Amino acid sequence: MVILTCRGVFNGLSHPQVISGEITLDQAFDQFLKNFNDRNSQGKINKMEWDNFYAAVSYSIYNDEHFVSCVKTVWKL
């Protein structure tokens, strides 16, 4: 099973609640991972969780090229 860690890529410094001091960077990271169904807060997601998340996202994007562009932009690839 492939496990993906995102902490080295994730930057929560511009998260509105981090800026206001309501939450910490670690809390913002935990919220981010919950989008991928990291329900047990282990700080990691597996490839299936990653694939399921992006399968759902892809439904709202009108073509493959735009989807690839969005993913590259978000992950700075």
Protein backbone atom coordinates (compact mmCIF):
# COMPACT_ATOMS: atom_id res chain seq x y z
CA MET A 1 0.00 0.00 0.00
CA VAL A 2 1.34 3.42 -0.95
CA ILE A 3 1.16 6.01 1.82
CA LEU A 4 1.41 9.67 0.88
CA THR A 5 2.58 12.37 3.23
CA CYS A 6 1.86 15.96 2.38
CA ARG A 7 3.34 17.90 5.28
CA GLY A 8 6.40 18.93 3.28
CA VAL A 9 4.20 20.39 0.53
CA PHE A 10 1.30 21.80 2.55
CA ASN A 11 1.57 25.48 3.42
CA GLY A 12 -1.15 26.71 5.73
CA LEU A 13 0.30 30.15 6.36
CA SER A 14 -2.39 31.84 4.25
CA HIS A 15 -5.26 29.88 5.84
CA PRO A 16 -7.64 32.55 7.21
CA GLN A 17 -7.98 30.85 10.60
CA VAL A 18 -4.21 30.48 10.94
CA ILE A 19 -3.78 34.17 10.11
CA SER A 20 -6.39 35.15 12.72
CA GLY A 21 -4.81 32.87 15.32
CA GLU A 22 -7.94 30.71 15.69
CA ILE A 23 -6.08 27.53 14.74
CA THR A 24 -2.47 26.41 14.48
CA LEU A 25 -0.66 25.25 11.36
CA ASP A 26 -0.94 21.67 12.64
CA GLN A 27 -4.71 22.05 13.01
CA ALA A 28 -4.96 23.48 9.48
CA PHE A 29 -2.97 20.49 8.20
CA ASP A 30 -5.31 18.10 10.02
CA GLN A 31 -8.33 19.83 8.45
CA PHE A 32 -6.68 19.55 5.05
CA LEU A 33 -6.09 15.82 5.45
CA LYS A 34 -9.69 15.24 6.50
CA ASN A 35 -10.63 16.25 2.93
CA PHE A 36 -8.89 13.04 1.90
CA ASN A 37 -10.74 11.03 4.57
CA ASP A 38 -7.88 10.95 7.07
CA ARG A 39 -10.56 10.36 9.68
CA ASN A 40 -8.23 8.85 12.27
CA SER A 41 -5.83 11.82 12.06
CA GLN A 42 -2.81 9.65 11.37
CA GLY A 43 -1.33 12.44 9.25
CA LYS A 44 -1.08 10.27 6.16
CA ILE A 45 -3.33 9.26 3.31
CA ASN A 46 -3.11 6.19 1.18
CA LYS A 47 -3.24 6.11 -2.60
CA MET A 48 -6.86 4.96 -2.63
CA GLU A 49 -7.91 7.97 -0.50
CA TRP A 50 -5.95 10.24 -2.85
CA ASP A 51 -7.53 8.69 -5.94
CA ASN A 52 -11.05 8.86 -4.47
CA PHE A 53 -10.63 12.53 -3.57
CA TYR A 54 -9.39 13.51 -7.02
CA ALA A 55 -12.00 11.35 -8.75
CA ALA A 56 -14.65 13.44 -6.99
CA VAL A 57 -12.86 16.70 -7.83
CA SER A 58 -12.54 15.74 -11.49
CA TYR A 59 -16.32 15.60 -11.92
CA SER A 60 -16.48 19.38 -11.55
CA ILE A 61 -13.68 20.12 -14.06
CA TYR A 62 -14.72 20.37 -17.68
CA ASN A 63 -11.77 18.66 -19.38
CA ASP A 64 -8.66 16.62 -18.68
CA GLU A 65 -6.19 19.35 -19.60
CA HIS A 66 -7.78 21.77 -17.15
CA PHE A 67 -7.79 19.09 -14.44
CA VAL A 68 -4.07 18.41 -14.96
CA SER A 69 -3.37 22.14 -14.87
CA CYS A 70 -5.29 22.52 -11.60
CA VAL A 71 -3.45 19.65 -9.93
CA LYS A 72 -0.06 20.92 -11.11
CA THR A 73 -0.84 24.41 -9.82
CA VAL A 74 -2.10 23.26 -6.44
CA TRP A 75 0.84 20.93 -5.85
CA LYS A 76 3.44 23.16 -7.56
CA LEU A 77 4.46 20.42 -9.96
